[in-house]
Amino acid sequence: MYSTDDDCVASHHNTTDQTAALTHTSNCGRHGCATVFVYSGATDWPTVNRAVNEHYLVCKGGIRGLEFSYPPSNTYSTPKMPSPPQLAPESLGSDDSHHNNFVIAGHSKRTGRKSKRNRNEGERKEYLENDEYTDDVRPKSVKCRGCGGVICLDNRYRYYPGLWDRHRDLCRGILRLEPWEKTVLLRRIQNKLPALLG
């Protein structure tokens, strides 16, 4: 087995080719190194591996980064996607006391939700008590009006609403109640509208 700088293949990718005489060639693979390892098919892998490891100790080639070694083809290019929402300062005034306060631009799934990490125990309790689908709010559990089940809350903090929010989004009882309540409200408004206008 021997390595040579003369048998350099145009590409420097780490490839192994089998030639007609049952010899194998393998490029170094490092950027700028033209070394090619040539060995017979009968050579055992530990011998090949030892030669490659010895070469890497003295190799002058560099390790490639994430950049392309050739310009990418325009035929497979993808259109630019919009960037995700950026962090925006909460206050744009001249007061520098709020310079570390950031909010994520965009909307939450349901309006009226405040970020969980900014709530204290009283706010979490109030949030759960004001939710139209909760009954019997306790520090570690909530009763669901939609399905009638008792939902255990997270044990991290008292009145921690994480598991309730997840249940509320998936509860079939609540999903059945929501359209019905909206329909009833619309009928009531429509029935009162002529009396208010007349």
C-alpha atoms as a PDB file:
ATOM      1  CA  MET A   1       0.000   0.000   0.000  1.00  0.00           C
ATOM      2  CA  TYR A   2       1.225   3.485  -0.815  1.00  0.00           C
ATOM      3  CA  SER A   3      -0.029   7.039  -1.037  1.00  0.00           C
ATOM      4  CA  THR A   4       0.725   9.360  -3.886  1.00  0.00           C
ATOM      5  CA  ASP A   5       0.201  13.005  -4.708  1.00  0.00           C
ATOM      6  CA  ASP A   6       0.352  12.367  -8.472  1.00  0.00           C
ATOM      7  CA  ASP A   7      -2.874  10.366  -8.824  1.00  0.00           C
ATOM      8  CA  CYS A   8      -5.056  13.213  -7.626  1.00  0.00           C
ATOM      9  CA  VAL A   9      -8.656  13.062  -8.748  1.00  0.00           C
ATOM     10  CA  ALA A  10     -10.317  16.399  -9.611  1.00  0.00           C
ATOM     11  CA  SER A  11     -12.645  16.198  -6.634  1.00  0.00           C
ATOM     12  CA  HIS A  12     -11.222  16.229  -3.121  1.00  0.00           C
ATOM     13  CA  HIS A  13     -14.164  14.420  -1.569  1.00  0.00           C
ATOM     14  CA  ASN A  14     -13.328  11.296   0.408  1.00  0.00           C
ATOM     15  CA  THR A  15     -14.175   8.648  -2.167  1.00  0.00           C
ATOM     16  CA  THR A  16     -13.028   5.100  -2.752  1.00  0.00           C
ATOM     17  CA  ASP A  17     -12.768   3.759  -6.313  1.00  0.00           C
ATOM     18  CA  GLN A  18     -12.028   0.208  -7.418  1.00  0.00           C
ATOM     19  CA  THR A  19      -9.717  -0.018 -10.439  1.00  0.00           C
ATOM     20  CA  ALA A  20      -9.516  -2.871 -12.963  1.00  0.00           C
ATOM     21  CA  ALA A  21      -6.466  -4.505 -11.287  1.00  0.00           C
ATOM     22  CA  LEU A  22      -8.339  -4.974  -7.964  1.00  0.00           C
ATOM     23  CA  THR A  23      -6.629  -2.005  -6.387  1.00  0.00           C
ATOM     24  CA  HIS A  24      -8.506   0.664  -4.534  1.00  0.00           C
ATOM     25  CA  THR A  25      -7.875   4.392  -4.429  1.00  0.00           C
ATOM     26  CA  SER A  26      -9.097   6.703  -1.715  1.00  0.00           C
ATOM     27  CA  ASN A  27      -8.617  10.475  -1.598  1.00  0.00           C
ATOM     28  CA  CYS A  28      -7.469  12.194   1.571  1.00  0.00           C
ATOM     29  CA  GLY A  29     -10.593  14.331   1.638  1.00  0.00           C
ATOM     30  CA  ARG A  30      -9.097  17.403   3.262  1.00  0.00           C
ATOM     31  CA  HIS A  31      -9.343  20.708   1.416  1.00  0.00           C
ATOM     32  CA  GLY A  32      -6.151  21.382  -0.536  1.00  0.00           C
ATOM     33  CA  CYS A  33      -4.584  17.932  -0.043  1.00  0.00           C
ATOM     34  CA  ALA A  34      -3.915  15.953  -3.220  1.00  0.00           C
ATOM     35  CA  THR A  35      -2.884  12.721  -1.476  1.00  0.00           C
ATOM     36  CA  VAL A  36      -4.464   9.559  -2.845  1.00  0.00           C
ATOM     37  CA  PHE A  37      -4.204   6.248  -1.004  1.00  0.00           C
ATOM     38  CA  VAL A  38      -3.766   3.249  -3.322  1.00  0.00           C
ATOM     39  CA  TYR A  39      -4.079  -0.257  -1.891  1.00  0.00           C
ATOM     40  CA  SER A  40      -4.894  -3.742  -3.123  1.00  0.00           C
ATOM     41  CA  GLY A  41      -8.191  -5.444  -2.503  1.00  0.00           C
ATOM     42  CA  ALA A  42      -6.471  -7.971  -0.234  1.00  0.00           C
ATOM     43  CA  THR A  43      -5.220  -5.302   2.202  1.00  0.00           C
ATOM     44  CA  ASP A  44      -6.967  -5.569   5.550  1.00  0.00           C
ATOM     45  CA  TRP A  45      -8.826  -2.549   6.939  1.00  0.00           C
ATOM     46  CA  PRO A  46      -6.608  -1.967  10.044  1.00  0.00           C
ATOM     47  CA  THR A  47      -3.610  -1.494   7.731  1.00  0.00           C
ATOM     48  CA  VAL A  48      -5.493   1.022   5.575  1.00  0.00           C
ATOM     49  CA  ASN A  49      -6.803   2.812   8.645  1.00  0.00           C
ATOM     50  CA  ARG A  50      -3.307   3.041  10.179  1.00  0.00           C
ATOM     51  CA  ALA A  51      -1.897   4.583   6.970  1.00  0.00           C
ATOM     52  CA  VAL A  52      -4.723   7.124   6.813  1.00  0.00           C
ATOM     53  CA  ASN A  53      -4.261   8.065  10.482  1.00  0.00           C
ATOM     54  CA  GLU A  54      -0.492   8.514   9.999  1.00  0.00           C
ATOM     55  CA  HIS A  55      -1.153  10.750   6.996  1.00  0.00           C
ATOM     56  CA  TYR A  56      -3.648  12.919   8.900  1.00  0.00           C
ATOM     57  CA  LEU A  57      -0.939  13.737  11.455  1.00  0.00           C
ATOM     58  CA  VAL A  58       1.210  15.372   8.760  1.00  0.00           C
ATOM     59  CA  CYS A  59      -1.513  16.450   6.306  1.00  0.00           C
ATOM     60  CA  LYS A  60      -1.290  20.096   5.208  1.00  0.00           C
ATOM     61  CA  GLY A  61      -4.895  20.198   3.975  1.00  0.00           C
ATOM     62  CA  GLY A  62      -7.569  22.045   5.888  1.00  0.00           C
ATOM     63  CA  ILE A  63     -10.934  20.902   7.124  1.00  0.00           C
ATOM     64  CA  ARG A  64     -13.771  22.254   5.060  1.00  0.00           C
ATOM     65  CA  GLY A  65     -16.437  24.422   6.602  1.00  0.00           C
ATOM     66  CA  LEU A  66     -20.063  24.452   5.589  1.00  0.00           C
ATOM     67  CA  GLU A  67     -19.437  26.449   2.422  1.00  0.00           C
ATOM     68  CA  PHE A  68     -19.724  24.816  -0.997  1.00  0.00           C
ATOM     69  CA  SER A  69     -16.566  23.904  -2.900  1.00  0.00           C
ATOM     70  CA  TYR A  70     -18.484  24.823  -6.061  1.00  0.00           C
ATOM     71  CA  PRO A  71     -21.321  27.278  -6.661  1.00  0.00           C
ATOM     72  CA  PRO A  72     -24.722  25.623  -6.209  1.00  0.00           C
ATOM     73  CA  SER A  73     -26.734  24.991  -9.335  1.00  0.00           C
ATOM     74  CA  ASN A  74     -29.581  27.378 -10.056  1.00  0.00           C
ATOM     75  CA  THR A  75     -31.771  24.513 -11.207  1.00  0.00           C
ATOM     76  CA  TYR A  76     -32.271  23.262  -7.657  1.00  0.00           C
ATOM     77  CA  SER A  77     -32.378  26.574  -5.845  1.00  0.00           C
ATOM     78  CA  THR A  78     -35.307  27.278  -3.582  1.00  0.00           C
ATOM     79  CA  PRO A  79     -37.020  30.628  -3.201  1.00  0.00           C
ATOM     80  CA  LYS A  80     -36.126  32.650  -0.134  1.00  0.00           C
ATOM     81  CA  MET A  81     -38.424  31.918   2.768  1.00  0.00           C
ATOM     82  CA  PRO A  82     -39.536  34.730   5.077  1.00  0.00           C
ATOM     83  CA  SER A  83     -37.550  34.926   8.272  1.00  0.00           C
ATOM     84  CA  PRO A  84     -39.193  33.945  11.564  1.00  0.00           C
ATOM     85  CA  PRO A  85     -40.583  36.663  13.844  1.00  0.00           C
ATOM     86  CA  GLN A  86     -37.833  38.741  15.373  1.00  0.00           C
ATOM     87  CA  LEU A  87     -37.523  39.891  18.946  1.00  0.00           C
ATOM     88  CA  ALA A  88     -38.629  43.477  19.335  1.00  0.00           C
ATOM     89  CA  PRO A  89     -38.025  45.815  22.288  1.00  0.00           C
ATOM     90  CA  GLU A  90     -41.073  46.274  24.500  1.00  0.00           C
ATOM     91  CA  SER A  91     -40.512  49.993  24.875  1.00  0.00           C
ATOM     92  CA  LEU A  92     -39.044  52.202  22.186  1.00  0.00           C
ATOM     93  CA  GLY A  93     -38.919  55.310  24.390  1.00  0.00           C
ATOM     94  CA  SER A  94     -35.761  57.026  25.610  1.00  0.00           C
ATOM     95  CA  ASP A  95     -36.061  55.363  29.024  1.00  0.00           C
ATOM     96  CA  ASP A  96     -33.276  52.760  29.192  1.00  0.00           C
ATOM     97  CA  SER A  97     -34.811  50.867  32.121  1.00  0.00           C
ATOM     98  CA  HIS A  98     -36.739  48.596  29.719  1.00  0.00           C
ATOM     99  CA  HIS A  99     -33.847  47.773  27.379  1.00  0.00           C
ATOM    100  CA  ASN A 100     -33.728  44.132  28.547  1.00  0.00           C
ATOM    101  CA  ASN A 101     -37.465  43.534  28.161  1.00  0.00           C
ATOM    102  CA  PHE A 102     -38.320  41.786  24.905  1.00  0.00           C
ATOM    103  CA  VAL A 103     -41.534  40.381  23.539  1.00  0.00           C
ATOM    104  CA  ILE A 104     -41.930  38.031  20.621  1.00  0.00           C
ATOM    105  CA  ALA A 105     -43.677  39.652  17.695  1.00  0.00           C
ATOM    106  CA  GLY A 106     -46.837  37.813  16.707  1.00  0.00           C
ATOM    107  CA  HIS A 107     -50.001  36.531  18.349  1.00  0.00           C
ATOM    108  CA  SER A 108     -50.659  33.781  20.828  1.00  0.00           C
ATOM    109  CA  LYS A 109     -53.087  30.984  20.021  1.00  0.00           C
ATOM    110  CA  ARG A 110     -55.818  32.576  22.130  1.00  0.00           C
ATOM    111  CA  THR A 111     -55.980  36.292  22.830  1.00  0.00           C
ATOM    112  CA  GLY A 112     -55.856  37.271  26.457  1.00  0.00           C
ATOM    113  CA  ARG A 113     -53.124  34.810  27.339  1.00  0.00           C
ATOM    114  CA  LYS A 114     -50.179  36.340  29.062  1.00  0.00           C
ATOM    115  CA  SER A 115     -46.802  34.701  28.848  1.00  0.00           C
ATOM    116  CA  LYS A 116     -46.633  31.943  31.467  1.00  0.00           C
ATOM    117  CA  ARG A 117     -43.185  32.892  32.672  1.00  0.00           C
ATOM    118  CA  ASN A 118     -44.355  36.385  33.609  1.00  0.00           C
ATOM    119  CA  ARG A 119     -47.298  35.293  35.779  1.00  0.00           C
ATOM    120  CA  ASN A 120     -47.154  35.104  39.524  1.00  0.00           C
ATOM    121  CA  GLU A 121     -49.334  32.731  41.547  1.00  0.00           C
ATOM    122  CA  GLY A 122     -52.215  35.180  41.876  1.00  0.00           C
ATOM    123  CA  GLU A 123     -52.309  35.854  38.134  1.00  0.00           C
ATOM    124  CA  ARG A 124     -52.212  32.128  37.354  1.00  0.00           C
ATOM    125  CA  LYS A 125     -55.089  31.485  39.765  1.00  0.00           C
ATOM    126  CA  GLU A 126     -57.090  34.376  38.275  1.00  0.00           C
ATOM    127  CA  TYR A 127     -56.409  33.088  34.751  1.00  0.00           C
ATOM    128  CA  LEU A 128     -57.774  29.643  35.651  1.00  0.00           C
ATOM    129  CA  GLU A 129     -60.785  31.018  37.549  1.00  0.00           C
ATOM    130  CA  ASN A 130     -61.693  33.374  34.690  1.00  0.00           C
ATOM    131  CA  ASP A 131     -61.519  30.607  32.101  1.00  0.00           C
ATOM    132  CA  GLU A 132     -65.083  29.870  31.004  1.00  0.00           C
ATOM    133  CA  TYR A 133     -64.482  26.100  30.864  1.00  0.00           C
ATOM    134  CA  THR A 134     -63.081  25.571  34.380  1.00  0.00           C
ATOM    135  CA  ASP A 135     -64.933  24.638  37.553  1.00  0.00           C
ATOM    136  CA  ASP A 136     -63.544  23.967  41.011  1.00  0.00           C
ATOM    137  CA  VAL A 137     -60.086  25.522  40.592  1.00  0.00           C
ATOM    138  CA  ARG A 138     -57.586  24.156  43.119  1.00  0.00           C
ATOM    139  CA  PRO A 139     -53.797  24.658  43.411  1.00  0.00           C
ATOM    140  CA  LYS A 140     -53.000  21.299  41.738  1.00  0.00           C
ATOM    141  CA  SER A 141     -56.185  20.469  39.789  1.00  0.00           C
ATOM    142  CA  VAL A 142     -59.014  21.945  37.723  1.00  0.00           C
ATOM    143  CA  LYS A 143     -62.391  20.459  36.780  1.00  0.00           C
ATOM    144  CA  CYS A 144     -63.224  20.735  33.070  1.00  0.00           C
ATOM    145  CA  ARG A 145     -66.745  21.911  32.194  1.00  0.00           C
ATOM    146  CA  GLY A 146     -66.486  20.340  28.756  1.00  0.00           C
ATOM    147  CA  CYS A 147     -65.805  16.720  29.673  1.00  0.00           C
ATOM    148  CA  GLY A 148     -66.376  16.810  33.445  1.00  0.00           C
ATOM    149  CA  GLY A 149     -62.939  15.371  34.157  1.00  0.00           C
ATOM    150  CA  VAL A 150     -60.491  16.573  36.788  1.00  0.00           C
ATOM    151  CA  ILE A 151     -57.284  17.771  35.160  1.00  0.00           C
ATOM    152  CA  CYS A 152     -54.136  17.587  37.293  1.00  0.00           C
ATOM    153  CA  LEU A 153     -51.971  20.668  36.924  1.00  0.00           C
ATOM    154  CA  ASP A 154     -48.180  20.653  36.750  1.00  0.00           C
ATOM    155  CA  ASN A 155     -46.395  20.256  40.070  1.00  0.00           C
ATOM    156  CA  ARG A 156     -43.893  23.002  39.274  1.00  0.00           C
ATOM    157  CA  TYR A 157     -45.941  25.779  40.865  1.00  0.00           C
ATOM    158  CA  ARG A 158     -49.368  26.227  42.390  1.00  0.00           C
ATOM    159  CA  TYR A 159     -52.040  26.937  39.748  1.00  0.00           C
ATOM    160  CA  TYR A 160     -49.585  26.222  36.914  1.00  0.00           C
ATOM    161  CA  PRO A 161     -51.839  26.132  33.789  1.00  0.00           C
ATOM    162  CA  GLY A 162     -49.624  24.256  31.312  1.00  0.00           C
ATOM    163  CA  LEU A 163     -51.494  20.943  31.321  1.00  0.00           C
ATOM    164  CA  TRP A 164     -54.861  22.722  31.487  1.00  0.00           C
ATOM    165  CA  ASP A 165     -54.011  24.759  28.370  1.00  0.00           C
ATOM    166  CA  ARG A 166     -53.070  21.567  26.532  1.00  0.00           C
ATOM    167  CA  HIS A 167     -56.271  19.810  27.659  1.00  0.00           C
ATOM    168  CA  ARG A 168     -58.379  22.833  26.724  1.00  0.00           C
ATOM    169  CA  ASP A 169     -56.994  22.831  23.193  1.00  0.00           C
ATOM    170  CA  LEU A 170     -57.741  19.099  22.711  1.00  0.00           C
ATOM    171  CA  CYS A 171     -60.889  18.457  24.793  1.00  0.00           C
ATOM    172  CA  ARG A 172     -63.756  17.237  22.610  1.00  0.00           C
ATOM    173  CA  GLY A 173     -66.321  18.428  25.141  1.00  0.00           C
ATOM    174  CA  ILE A 174     -65.001  21.981  24.924  1.00  0.00           C
ATOM    175  CA  LEU A 175     -64.804  21.775  21.143  1.00  0.00           C
ATOM    176  CA  ARG A 176     -68.480  20.754  21.088  1.00  0.00           C
ATOM    177  CA  LEU A 177     -69.451  23.568  23.471  1.00  0.00           C
ATOM    178  CA  GLU A 178     -67.639  26.380  21.664  1.00  0.00           C
ATOM    179  CA  PRO A 179     -69.627  26.390  18.388  1.00  0.00           C
ATOM    180  CA  TRP A 180     -72.915  25.883  20.282  1.00  0.00           C
ATOM    181  CA  GLU A 181     -72.244  28.824  22.610  1.00  0.00           C
ATOM    182  CA  LYS A 182     -71.268  31.063  19.712  1.00  0.00           C
ATOM    183  CA  THR A 183     -74.478  30.125  17.888  1.00  0.00           C
ATOM    184  CA  VAL A 184     -76.580  30.849  20.990  1.00  0.00           C
ATOM    185  CA  LEU A 185     -74.871  34.211  21.473  1.00  0.00           C
ATOM    186  CA  LEU A 186     -75.469  35.156  17.841  1.00  0.00           C
ATOM    187  CA  ARG A 187     -79.184  34.235  18.135  1.00  0.00           C
ATOM    188  CA  ARG A 188     -79.547  36.287  21.312  1.00  0.00           C
ATOM    189  CA  ILE A 189     -77.868  39.277  19.687  1.00  0.00           C
ATOM    190  CA  GLN A 190     -80.029  38.936  16.575  1.00  0.00           C
ATOM    191  CA  ASN A 191     -83.189  38.690  18.710  1.00  0.00           C
ATOM    192  CA  LYS A 192     -82.287  41.798  20.737  1.00  0.00           C
ATOM    193  CA  LEU A 193     -81.106  43.799  17.730  1.00  0.00           C
ATOM    194  CA  PRO A 194     -84.598  44.750  16.416  1.00  0.00           C
ATOM    195  CA  ALA A 195     -85.659  45.844  19.913  1.00  0.00           C
ATOM    196  CA  LEU A 196     -82.567  48.010  20.250  1.00  0.00           C
ATOM    197  CA  LEU A 197     -82.966  49.573  16.802  1.00  0.00           C
ATOM    198  CA  GLY A 198     -86.766  50.061  17.030  1.00  0.00           C
END
